[in-house]
C-alpha atoms as a PDB file:
ATOM      1  CA  UNK A   1     -71.414 126.840 107.436  1.00  0.00           C
ATOM      2  CA  UNK A   2     -70.604 124.923 111.268  1.00  0.00           C
ATOM      3  CA  UNK A   3     -67.653 126.970 111.615  1.00  0.00           C
ATOM      4  CA  UNK A   4     -69.341 130.308 110.735  1.00  0.00           C
ATOM      5  CA  UNK A   5     -72.285 129.129 112.996  1.00  0.00           C
ATOM      6  CA  UNK A   6     -69.790 129.127 116.248  1.00  0.00           C
ATOM      7  CA  UNK A   7     -68.494 131.855 115.396  1.00  0.00           C
ATOM      8  CA  UNK A   8     -71.640 133.982 115.115  1.00  0.00           C
ATOM      9  CA  UNK A   9     -72.756 132.284 118.531  1.00  0.00           C
ATOM     10  CA  UNK A  10     -69.064 133.423 120.066  1.00  0.00           C
ATOM     11  CA  UNK A  11     -69.765 136.779 118.897  1.00  0.00           C
ATOM     12  CA  UNK A  12     -73.228 137.215 119.979  1.00  0.00           C
ATOM     13  CA  UNK A  13     -72.072 135.596 123.530  1.00  0.00           C
ATOM     14  CA  UNK A  14     -69.376 138.716 123.524  1.00  0.00           C
ATOM     15  CA  UNK A  15     -71.748 141.596 122.445  1.00  0.00           C
ATOM     16  CA  UNK A  16     -74.048 140.089 125.125  1.00  0.00           C
ATOM     17  CA  UNK A  17     -71.781 140.186 127.971  1.00  0.00           C
ATOM     18  CA  UNK A  18     -70.491 143.413 127.120  1.00  0.00           C
ATOM     19  CA  UNK A  19     -73.548 144.950 126.982  1.00  0.00           C
ATOM     20  CA  UNK A  20     -75.010 143.770 130.279  1.00  0.00           C
ATOM     21  CA  UNK A  21     -71.422 143.898 131.932  1.00  0.00           C
ATOM     22  CA  UNK A  22     -73.705 145.649 135.463  1.00  0.00           C
ATOM     23  CA  UNK A  23     -71.771 142.871 137.662  1.00  0.00           C
ATOM     24  CA  UNK A  24     -68.412 143.052 136.793  1.00  0.00           C
ATOM     25  CA  UNK A  25     -64.864 142.580 137.613  1.00  0.00           C
ATOM     26  CA  UNK A  26     -63.669 145.794 135.843  1.00  0.00           C
ATOM     27  CA  UNK A  27     -65.785 148.611 135.412  1.00  0.00           C
ATOM     28  CA  UNK A  28     -67.378 150.261 132.509  1.00  0.00           C
ATOM     29  CA  UNK A  29     -66.721 153.854 131.440  1.00  0.00           C
ATOM     30  CA  UNK A  30     -70.436 154.556 132.363  1.00  0.00           C
ATOM     31  CA  UNK A  31     -70.015 153.226 135.469  1.00  0.00           C
ATOM     32  CA  UNK A  32     -67.004 154.895 136.613  1.00  0.00           C
ATOM     33  CA  UNK A  33     -68.420 158.288 135.806  1.00  0.00           C
ATOM     34  CA  UNK A  34     -69.273 158.175 139.482  1.00  0.00           C
ATOM     35  CA  UNK A  35     -65.403 157.332 140.622  1.00  0.00           C
ATOM     36  CA  UNK A  36     -63.142 160.713 141.105  1.00  0.00           C
ATOM     37  CA  UNK A  37     -60.493 159.995 138.133  1.00  0.00           C
ATOM     38  CA  UNK A  38     -62.897 157.442 137.075  1.00  0.00           C
ATOM     39  CA  UNK A  39     -60.700 155.265 139.390  1.00  0.00           C
ATOM     40  CA  UNK A  40     -62.167 152.922 141.943  1.00  0.00           C
ATOM     41  CA  UNK A  41     -60.446 152.730 145.644  1.00  0.00           C
ATOM     42  CA  UNK A  42     -57.516 150.277 145.457  1.00  0.00           C
ATOM     43  CA  UNK A  43     -55.502 148.191 148.085  1.00  0.00           C
ATOM     44  CA  UNK A  44     -58.893 146.891 149.369  1.00  0.00           C
ATOM     45  CA  UNK A  45     -58.647 142.713 150.135  1.00  0.00           C
ATOM     46  CA  UNK A  46     -62.185 141.807 151.000  1.00  0.00           C
ATOM     47  CA  UNK A  47     -62.671 138.656 148.868  1.00  0.00           C
ATOM     48  CA  UNK A  48     -64.505 137.591 147.048  1.00  0.00           C
ATOM     49  CA  UNK A  49     -66.157 140.541 145.762  1.00  0.00           C
ATOM     50  CA  UNK A  50     -68.199 142.286 143.117  1.00  0.00           C
ATOM     51  CA  UNK A  51     -68.262 145.558 141.462  1.00  0.00           C
ATOM     52  CA  UNK A  52     -72.539 146.424 140.683  1.00  0.00           C
ATOM     53  CA  UNK A  53     -73.104 149.112 138.264  1.00  0.00           C
ATOM     54  CA  UNK A  54     -76.525 150.133 140.357  1.00  0.00           C
ATOM     55  CA  UNK A  55     -78.781 150.342 137.109  1.00  0.00           C
ATOM     56  CA  UNK A  56     -82.611 151.815 138.095  1.00  0.00           C
ATOM     57  CA  UNK A  57     -84.875 152.975 135.165  1.00  0.00           C
ATOM     58  CA  UNK A  58     -82.617 151.656 132.093  1.00  0.00           C
ATOM     59  CA  UNK A  59     -79.477 154.063 133.872  1.00  0.00           C
ATOM     60  CA  UNK A  60     -76.440 153.250 135.932  1.00  0.00           C
ATOM     61  CA  UNK A  61     -76.964 155.677 139.691  1.00  0.00           C
ATOM     62  CA  UNK A  62     -73.602 154.559 141.423  1.00  0.00           C
ATOM     63  CA  UNK A  63     -71.671 151.818 141.622  1.00  0.00           C
ATOM     64  CA  UNK A  64     -71.395 149.139 144.908  1.00  0.00           C
ATOM     65  CA  UNK A  65     -68.472 146.777 145.803  1.00  0.00           C
ATOM     66  CA  UNK A  66     -69.975 143.758 147.329  1.00  0.00           C
ATOM     67  CA  UNK A  67     -69.242 141.011 148.573  1.00  0.00           C
ATOM     68  CA  UNK A  68     -71.238 137.645 148.250  1.00  0.00           C
ATOM     69  CA  UNK A  69     -70.329 135.843 151.070  1.00  0.00           C
ATOM     70  CA  UNK A  70     -70.861 138.204 153.691  1.00  0.00           C
ATOM     71  CA  UNK A  71     -73.708 139.580 151.639  1.00  0.00           C
ATOM     72  CA  UNK A  72     -72.929 143.235 152.073  1.00  0.00           C
ATOM     73  CA  UNK A  73     -71.623 146.303 150.316  1.00  0.00           C
ATOM     74  CA  UNK A  74     -67.629 147.113 151.209  1.00  0.00           C
ATOM     75  CA  UNK A  75     -68.755 150.398 149.540  1.00  0.00           C
ATOM     76  CA  UNK A  76     -70.721 152.399 147.555  1.00  0.00           C
ATOM     77  CA  UNK A  77     -69.305 155.218 145.356  1.00  0.00           C
ATOM     78  CA  UNK A  78     -71.525 158.148 144.005  1.00  0.00           C
ATOM     79  CA  UNK A  79     -72.022 161.657 142.960  1.00  0.00           C
ATOM     80  CA  UNK A  80     -73.842 164.209 145.282  1.00  0.00           C
ATOM     81  CA  UNK A  81     -76.679 165.874 143.661  1.00  0.00           C
ATOM     82  CA  UNK A  82     -77.483 169.441 144.751  1.00  0.00           C
ATOM     83  CA  UNK A  83     -80.855 168.192 147.626  1.00  0.00           C
ATOM     84  CA  UNK A  84     -82.869 169.857 150.133  1.00  0.00           C
ATOM     85  CA  UNK A  85     -82.810 166.505 151.930  1.00  0.00           C
ATOM     86  CA  UNK A  86     -86.299 165.248 151.060  1.00  0.00           C
ATOM     87  CA  UNK A  87     -86.650 161.525 151.671  1.00  0.00           C
ATOM     88  CA  UNK A  88     -87.653 159.651 148.782  1.00  0.00           C
ATOM     89  CA  UNK A  89     -91.419 157.819 149.635  1.00  0.00           C
ATOM     90  CA  UNK A  90     -93.317 154.509 148.982  1.00  0.00           C
ATOM     91  CA  UNK A  91     -90.547 152.656 147.038  1.00  0.00           C
ATOM     92  CA  UNK A  92     -89.885 149.171 147.664  1.00  0.00           C
ATOM     93  CA  UNK A  93     -86.977 147.576 148.879  1.00  0.00           C
ATOM     94  CA  UNK A  94     -84.875 145.908 145.729  1.00  0.00           C
ATOM     95  CA  UNK A  95     -82.912 143.077 144.686  1.00  0.00           C
ATOM     96  CA  UNK A  96     -79.726 142.432 142.141  1.00  0.00           C
ATOM     97  CA  UNK A  97     -80.684 140.260 139.348  1.00  0.00           C
ATOM     98  CA  UNK A  98     -76.892 140.114 138.521  1.00  0.00           C
ATOM     99  CA  UNK A  99     -76.339 138.024 141.536  1.00  0.00           C
ATOM    100  CA  UNK A 100     -79.128 135.678 140.712  1.00  0.00           C
ATOM    101  CA  UNK A 101     -79.157 131.947 139.278  1.00  0.00           C
ATOM    102  CA  UNK A 102     -81.686 133.039 136.895  1.00  0.00           C
ATOM    103  CA  UNK A 103     -80.654 136.380 135.115  1.00  0.00           C
ATOM    104  CA  UNK A 104     -83.612 138.137 133.481  1.00  0.00           C
ATOM    105  CA  UNK A 105     -82.864 142.264 133.596  1.00  0.00           C
ATOM    106  CA  UNK A 106     -79.999 144.144 134.440  1.00  0.00           C
ATOM    107  CA  UNK A 107     -81.811 146.298 136.533  1.00  0.00           C
ATOM    108  CA  UNK A 108     -82.595 145.884 140.088  1.00  0.00           C
ATOM    109  CA  UNK A 109     -85.939 144.953 141.133  1.00  0.00           C
ATOM    110  CA  UNK A 110     -88.178 144.946 144.167  1.00  0.00           C
ATOM    111  CA  UNK A 111     -88.483 141.680 145.749  1.00  0.00           C
ATOM    112  CA  UNK A 112     -90.889 138.739 144.430  1.00  0.00           C
ATOM    113  CA  UNK A 113     -93.170 137.306 146.589  1.00  0.00           C
ATOM    114  CA  UNK A 114     -92.894 133.341 147.479  1.00  0.00           C
ATOM    115  CA  UNK A 115     -89.577 131.442 146.941  1.00  0.00           C
ATOM    116  CA  UNK A 116     -88.561 133.262 144.194  1.00  0.00           C
ATOM    117  CA  UNK A 117     -85.717 134.301 146.615  1.00  0.00           C
ATOM    118  CA  UNK A 118     -84.030 130.948 146.577  1.00  0.00           C
ATOM    119  CA  UNK A 119     -82.789 132.042 143.136  1.00  0.00           C
ATOM    120  CA  UNK A 120     -80.351 134.462 144.881  1.00  0.00           C
ATOM    121  CA  UNK A 121     -79.974 134.402 148.391  1.00  0.00           C
ATOM    122  CA  UNK A 122     -76.669 132.462 148.356  1.00  0.00           C
ATOM    123  CA  UNK A 123     -75.134 135.342 147.052  1.00  0.00           C
ATOM    124  CA  UNK A 124     -76.928 138.452 148.791  1.00  0.00           C
ATOM    125  CA  UNK A 125     -78.678 139.488 150.983  1.00  0.00           C
ATOM    126  CA  UNK A 126     -82.855 139.077 151.262  1.00  0.00           C
ATOM    127  CA  UNK A 127     -85.240 140.803 153.619  1.00  0.00           C
ATOM    128  CA  UNK A 128     -85.670 137.898 155.540  1.00  0.00           C
ATOM    129  CA  UNK A 129     -82.377 138.558 156.657  1.00  0.00           C
ATOM    130  CA  UNK A 130     -83.621 141.554 158.416  1.00  0.00           C
ATOM    131  CA  UNK A 131     -86.833 140.149 159.402  1.00  0.00           C
ATOM    132  CA  UNK A 132     -86.026 139.234 162.848  1.00  0.00           C
ATOM    133  CA  UNK A 133     -82.699 141.145 163.200  1.00  0.00           C
ATOM    134  CA  UNK A 134     -83.932 143.314 165.840  1.00  0.00           C
ATOM    135  CA  UNK A 135     -80.912 144.990 167.338  1.00  0.00           C
ATOM    136  CA  UNK A 136     -80.527 146.497 163.959  1.00  0.00           C
ATOM    137  CA  UNK A 137     -81.891 148.751 161.078  1.00  0.00           C
ATOM    138  CA  UNK A 138     -81.250 148.988 157.401  1.00  0.00           C
ATOM    139  CA  UNK A 139     -79.188 151.427 156.991  1.00  0.00           C
ATOM    140  CA  UNK A 140     -77.914 152.342 153.131  1.00  0.00           C
ATOM    141  CA  UNK A 141     -74.272 153.780 152.432  1.00  0.00           C
ATOM    142  CA  UNK A 142     -75.658 155.854 149.669  1.00  0.00           C
ATOM    143  CA  UNK A 143     -78.255 158.197 151.159  1.00  0.00           C
ATOM    144  CA  UNK A 144     -81.604 158.942 149.498  1.00  0.00           C
ATOM    145  CA  UNK A 145     -81.217 162.561 150.762  1.00  0.00           C
ATOM    146  CA  UNK A 146     -77.686 163.230 148.877  1.00  0.00           C
ATOM    147  CA  UNK A 147     -79.694 162.363 145.528  1.00  0.00           C
ATOM    148  CA  UNK A 148     -82.306 164.938 143.883  1.00  0.00           C
ATOM    149  CA  UNK A 149     -83.758 163.024 141.266  1.00  0.00           C
ATOM    150  CA  UNK A 150     -86.493 160.344 142.222  1.00  0.00           C
ATOM    151  CA  UNK A 151     -85.174 157.804 139.588  1.00  0.00           C
ATOM    152  CA  UNK A 152     -81.904 158.520 142.034  1.00  0.00           C
ATOM    153  CA  UNK A 153     -83.319 158.234 145.115  1.00  0.00           C
ATOM    154  CA  UNK A 154     -85.572 155.115 144.425  1.00  0.00           C
ATOM    155  CA  UNK A 155     -82.129 153.546 143.543  1.00  0.00           C
ATOM    156  CA  UNK A 156     -80.711 153.599 146.887  1.00  0.00           C
ATOM    157  CA  UNK A 157     -83.491 151.736 148.432  1.00  0.00           C
ATOM    158  CA  UNK A 158     -81.642 148.285 147.342  1.00  0.00           C
ATOM    159  CA  UNK A 159     -80.290 145.548 149.843  1.00  0.00           C
ATOM    160  CA  UNK A 160     -76.782 145.461 147.942  1.00  0.00           C
ATOM    161  CA  UNK A 161     -76.399 149.217 149.002  1.00  0.00           C
ATOM    162  CA  UNK A 162     -77.521 148.146 152.720  1.00  0.00           C
ATOM    163  CA  UNK A 163     -75.734 147.548 155.864  1.00  0.00           C
ATOM    164  CA  UNK A 164     -76.995 146.195 159.253  1.00  0.00           C
ATOM    165  CA  UNK A 165     -77.346 149.298 161.695  1.00  0.00           C
ATOM    166  CA  UNK A 166     -77.687 150.082 165.478  1.00  0.00           C
ATOM    167  CA  UNK A 167     -80.762 152.056 165.279  1.00  0.00           C
ATOM    168  CA  UNK A 168     -79.518 154.604 168.246  1.00  0.00           C
ATOM    169  CA  UNK A 169     -76.595 155.118 165.952  1.00  0.00           C
ATOM    170  CA  UNK A 170     -78.610 155.314 162.513  1.00  0.00           C
ATOM    171  CA  UNK A 171     -80.523 157.699 163.543  1.00  0.00           C
ATOM    172  CA  UNK A 172     -78.947 159.890 165.906  1.00  0.00           C
ATOM    173  CA  UNK A 173     -75.364 160.237 164.928  1.00  0.00           C
ATOM    174  CA  UNK A 174     -75.180 158.462 161.318  1.00  0.00           C
ATOM    175  CA  UNK A 175     -77.960 160.499 159.705  1.00  0.00           C
ATOM    176  CA  UNK A 176     -77.019 163.601 161.547  1.00  0.00           C
ATOM    177  CA  UNK A 177     -74.044 163.399 159.815  1.00  0.00           C
ATOM    178  CA  UNK A 178     -75.298 163.006 156.361  1.00  0.00           C
ATOM    179  CA  UNK A 179     -77.378 166.260 156.672  1.00  0.00           C
ATOM    180  CA  UNK A 180     -74.043 167.950 157.690  1.00  0.00           C
ATOM    181  CA  UNK A 181     -71.971 166.756 154.327  1.00  0.00           C
ATOM    182  CA  UNK A 182     -75.252 167.560 152.428  1.00  0.00           C
ATOM    183  CA  UNK A 183     -75.339 171.529 153.818  1.00  0.00           C
ATOM    184  CA  UNK A 184     -71.499 171.683 153.475  1.00  0.00           C
ATOM    185  CA  UNK A 185     -71.718 170.477 149.599  1.00  0.00           C
ATOM    186  CA  UNK A 186     -74.587 172.313 148.695  1.00  0.00           C
ATOM    187  CA  UNK A 187     -72.781 175.546 150.087  1.00  0.00           C
ATOM    188  CA  UNK A 188     -69.705 174.759 148.945  1.00  0.00           C
ATOM    189  CA  UNK A 189     -69.096 172.728 146.558  1.00  0.00           C
ATOM    190  CA  UNK A 190     -69.438 174.399 142.903  1.00  0.00           C
ATOM    191  CA  UNK A 191     -68.556 171.471 140.383  1.00  0.00           C
ATOM    192  CA  UNK A 192     -68.787 167.507 141.027  1.00  0.00           C
ATOM    193  CA  UNK A 193     -68.524 165.836 144.238  1.00  0.00           C
ATOM    194  CA  UNK A 194     -67.443 162.176 144.081  1.00  0.00           C
ATOM    195  CA  UNK A 195     -68.346 160.468 147.909  1.00  0.00           C
ATOM    196  CA  UNK A 196     -67.466 156.687 148.666  1.00  0.00           C
ATOM    197  CA  UNK A 197     -69.143 155.483 151.475  1.00  0.00           C
ATOM    198  CA  UNK A 198     -68.223 151.722 153.307  1.00  0.00           C
ATOM    199  CA  UNK A 199     -67.929 149.642 156.521  1.00  0.00           C
ATOM    200  CA  UNK A 200     -65.450 147.494 158.146  1.00  0.00           C
ATOM    201  CA  UNK A 201     -66.016 144.343 159.644  1.00  0.00           C
ATOM    202  CA  UNK A 202     -64.227 142.448 162.486  1.00  0.00           C
ATOM    203  CA  UNK A 203     -66.692 138.890 162.093  1.00  0.00           C
ATOM    204  CA  UNK A 204     -69.416 139.319 163.659  1.00  0.00           C
ATOM    205  CA  UNK A 205     -72.633 137.963 161.759  1.00  0.00           C
ATOM    206  CA  UNK A 206     -76.330 138.053 161.445  1.00  0.00           C
ATOM    207  CA  UNK A 207     -77.936 134.193 161.587  1.00  0.00           C
ATOM    208  CA  UNK A 208     -81.214 133.076 160.382  1.00  0.00           C
ATOM    209  CA  UNK A 209     -82.102 129.703 160.757  1.00  0.00           C
ATOM    210  CA  UNK A 210     -78.536 129.068 161.845  1.00  0.00           C
ATOM    211  CA  UNK A 211     -76.594 129.998 159.006  1.00  0.00           C
ATOM    212  CA  UNK A 212     -74.398 133.223 158.603  1.00  0.00           C
ATOM    213  CA  UNK A 213     -75.953 135.710 156.527  1.00  0.00           C
ATOM    214  CA  UNK A 214     -74.881 139.312 157.066  1.00  0.00           C
ATOM    215  CA  UNK A 215     -71.987 140.340 158.438  1.00  0.00           C
ATOM    216  CA  UNK A 216     -72.440 143.226 160.756  1.00  0.00           C
ATOM    217  CA  UNK A 217     -69.873 146.147 160.395  1.00  0.00           C
ATOM    218  CA  UNK A 218     -68.084 147.370 163.004  1.00  0.00           C
ATOM    219  CA  UNK A 219     -67.510 150.897 162.039  1.00  0.00           C
ATOM    220  CA  UNK A 220     -68.966 153.083 159.168  1.00  0.00           C
ATOM    221  CA  UNK A 221     -66.500 155.684 157.179  1.00  0.00           C
ATOM    222  CA  UNK A 222     -67.203 157.908 154.252  1.00  0.00           C
ATOM    223  CA  UNK A 223     -64.912 160.379 152.264  1.00  0.00           C
ATOM    224  CA  UNK A 224     -65.897 163.438 149.577  1.00  0.00           C
ATOM    225  CA  UNK A 225     -63.839 164.932 146.971  1.00  0.00           C
ATOM    226  CA  UNK A 226     -64.869 168.308 145.627  1.00  0.00           C
ATOM    227  CA  UNK A 227     -61.607 169.953 143.609  1.00  0.00           C
ATOM    228  CA  UNK A 228     -64.071 172.907 142.208  1.00  0.00           C
ATOM    229  CA  UNK A 229     -65.051 174.537 145.327  1.00  0.00           C
ATOM    230  CA  UNK A 230     -65.540 178.073 146.986  1.00  0.00           C
ATOM    231  CA  UNK A 231     -62.741 179.248 147.736  1.00  0.00           C
ATOM    232  CA  UNK A 232     -64.462 182.706 149.544  1.00  0.00           C
ATOM    233  CA  UNK A 233     -65.866 180.329 152.149  1.00  0.00           C
ATOM    234  CA  UNK A 234     -65.570 180.708 155.820  1.00  0.00           C
ATOM    235  CA  UNK A 235     -62.529 178.696 157.096  1.00  0.00           C
ATOM    236  CA  UNK A 236     -64.069 176.818 159.701  1.00  0.00           C
ATOM    237  CA  UNK A 237     -65.346 175.107 156.556  1.00  0.00           C
ATOM    238  CA  UNK A 238     -63.088 175.924 153.497  1.00  0.00           C
ATOM    239  CA  UNK A 239     -60.369 173.720 155.266  1.00  0.00           C
ATOM    240  CA  UNK A 240     -62.454 170.686 154.643  1.00  0.00           C
ATOM    241  CA  UNK A 241     -62.118 171.256 150.922  1.00  0.00           C
ATOM    242  CA  UNK A 242     -61.540 169.435 148.551  1.00  0.00           C
ATOM    243  CA  UNK A 243     -61.912 166.563 150.375  1.00  0.00           C
ATOM    244  CA  UNK A 244     -62.757 165.663 153.934  1.00  0.00           C
ATOM    245  CA  UNK A 245     -63.555 162.169 155.830  1.00  0.00           C
ATOM    246  CA  UNK A 246     -65.227 160.954 158.755  1.00  0.00           C
ATOM    247  CA  UNK A 247     -66.080 157.773 160.596  1.00  0.00           C
ATOM    248  CA  UNK A 248     -68.159 156.401 163.394  1.00  0.00           C
ATOM    249  CA  UNK A 249     -68.641 153.463 165.831  1.00  0.00           C
ATOM    250  CA  UNK A 250     -71.983 151.530 164.807  1.00  0.00           C
ATOM    251  CA  UNK A 251     -72.812 150.766 168.601  1.00  0.00           C
ATOM    252  CA  UNK A 252     -75.052 152.213 170.795  1.00  0.00           C
ATOM    253  CA  UNK A 253     -72.206 153.704 173.106  1.00  0.00           C
ATOM    254  CA  UNK A 254     -68.948 155.717 171.964  1.00  0.00           C
ATOM    255  CA  UNK A 255     -70.606 156.225 168.884  1.00  0.00           C
ATOM    256  CA  UNK A 256     -69.501 159.706 167.664  1.00  0.00           C
ATOM    257  CA  UNK A 257     -68.858 161.031 164.503  1.00  0.00           C
ATOM    258  CA  UNK A 258     -65.327 161.444 164.068  1.00  0.00           C
ATOM    259  CA  UNK A 259     -63.960 164.160 161.167  1.00  0.00           C
ATOM    260  CA  UNK A 260     -60.718 163.902 160.042  1.00  0.00           C
ATOM    261  CA  UNK A 261     -58.778 164.187 156.416  1.00  0.00           C
ATOM    262  CA  UNK A 262     -58.760 161.740 153.828  1.00  0.00           C
ATOM    263  CA  UNK A 263     -55.013 160.834 154.660  1.00  0.00           C
ATOM    264  CA  UNK A 264     -55.745 160.111 158.089  1.00  0.00           C
ATOM    265  CA  UNK A 265     -59.009 158.029 157.494  1.00  0.00           C
ATOM    266  CA  UNK A 266     -56.761 155.695 155.584  1.00  0.00           C
ATOM    267  CA  UNK A 267     -54.348 155.731 158.265  1.00  0.00           C
ATOM    268  CA  UNK A 268     -57.251 154.558 160.143  1.00  0.00           C
ATOM    269  CA  UNK A 269     -58.798 152.253 157.860  1.00  0.00           C
ATOM    270  CA  UNK A 270     -55.221 150.433 157.287  1.00  0.00           C
ATOM    271  CA  UNK A 271     -55.352 149.166 160.729  1.00  0.00           C
ATOM    272  CA  UNK A 272     -58.917 148.558 161.301  1.00  0.00           C
ATOM    273  CA  UNK A 273     -60.080 146.611 157.800  1.00  0.00           C
ATOM    274  CA  UNK A 274     -58.858 144.780 155.065  1.00  0.00           C
ATOM    275  CA  UNK A 275     -56.920 146.895 153.036  1.00  0.00           C
ATOM    276  CA  UNK A 276     -53.243 146.885 151.827  1.00  0.00           C
ATOM    277  CA  UNK A 277     -50.404 149.499 152.173  1.00  0.00           C
ATOM    278  CA  UNK A 278     -51.360 150.664 148.928  1.00  0.00           C
ATOM    279  CA  UNK A 279     -55.108 151.329 149.951  1.00  0.00           C
ATOM    280  CA  UNK A 280     -56.340 154.426 148.177  1.00  0.00           C
ATOM    281  CA  UNK A 281     -59.738 156.028 148.512  1.00  0.00           C
ATOM    282  CA  UNK A 282     -59.201 158.712 145.751  1.00  0.00           C
ATOM    283  CA  UNK A 283     -56.755 159.303 143.375  1.00  0.00           C
ATOM    284  CA  UNK A 284     -53.758 161.219 145.124  1.00  0.00           C
ATOM    285  CA  UNK A 285     -55.926 161.926 147.778  1.00  0.00           C
ATOM    286  CA  UNK A 286     -57.971 164.438 146.108  1.00  0.00           C
ATOM    287  CA  UNK A 287     -54.942 166.870 145.644  1.00  0.00           C
ATOM    288  CA  UNK A 288     -55.752 168.166 142.405  1.00  0.00           C
ATOM    289  CA  UNK A 289     -52.571 169.141 140.275  1.00  0.00           C
ATOM    290  CA  UNK A 290     -51.166 172.250 138.938  1.00  0.00           C
ATOM    291  CA  UNK A 291     -50.586 176.115 139.856  1.00  0.00           C
ATOM    292  CA  UNK A 292     -53.080 177.445 141.579  1.00  0.00           C
ATOM    293  CA  UNK A 293     -55.376 174.903 142.519  1.00  0.00           C
ATOM    294  CA  UNK A 294     -54.332 174.640 146.520  1.00  0.00           C
ATOM    295  CA  UNK A 295     -56.221 175.673 149.138  1.00  0.00           C
END
């Protein structure tokens, strides 16, 4: 009897783990749907990191690779939704319960009042970290203007999708480029567009109470992949398919966005961040196989 009770508890534990599985070492199939060819970027050498299948209102919304020491996402990967770019309003900032010492839900939750944040601030950023960081504001890697459904938009307002950005770079440079990508994909991507947006760091940190709390990105970068696109698009847009990329310097000056091929972005990132020679953003650089599918 004791043997079968023990086996039953073991099976229950395995089943619960499989169902929960939102903060994961390996991504589940439902979360891989946000990745081109169901494959996350390879060759990333940030440690320690965890995959977060960002869950909101009982549904997966996108995937984040999160650094639990630097308290910052290395990248967020999502599928672009055709949208007019209207921003979501009145959404409270949220945290990831799966990185908490007390796990009661799989879903991101609004920050609690009082000292409940002490259960999870070792593994992720909290609102207090940004309170006195007057040189930076919260910038989302998966921006709500690249989503259409209100729940998808709301899910971007979690600090596990946020990095500290210089306000002038965010407002005048990076947000403007997000508009450019939104219009381009709205107009010329006929199928699903997969986007990966990430950061590089050099060790500079936001500190709180004499402790290093959040790594400050040196560069922000982003790449999209859309293999089903309008081959009759104007050439100045058509050559940016099936994939293209860009990066920008997270500073007040010399911060213009540089657009380039995904291959060129890979070369840039190999020189500036923690990736190895096998680093790949998209499988095969988002070059579709087979005849008749070339640019």
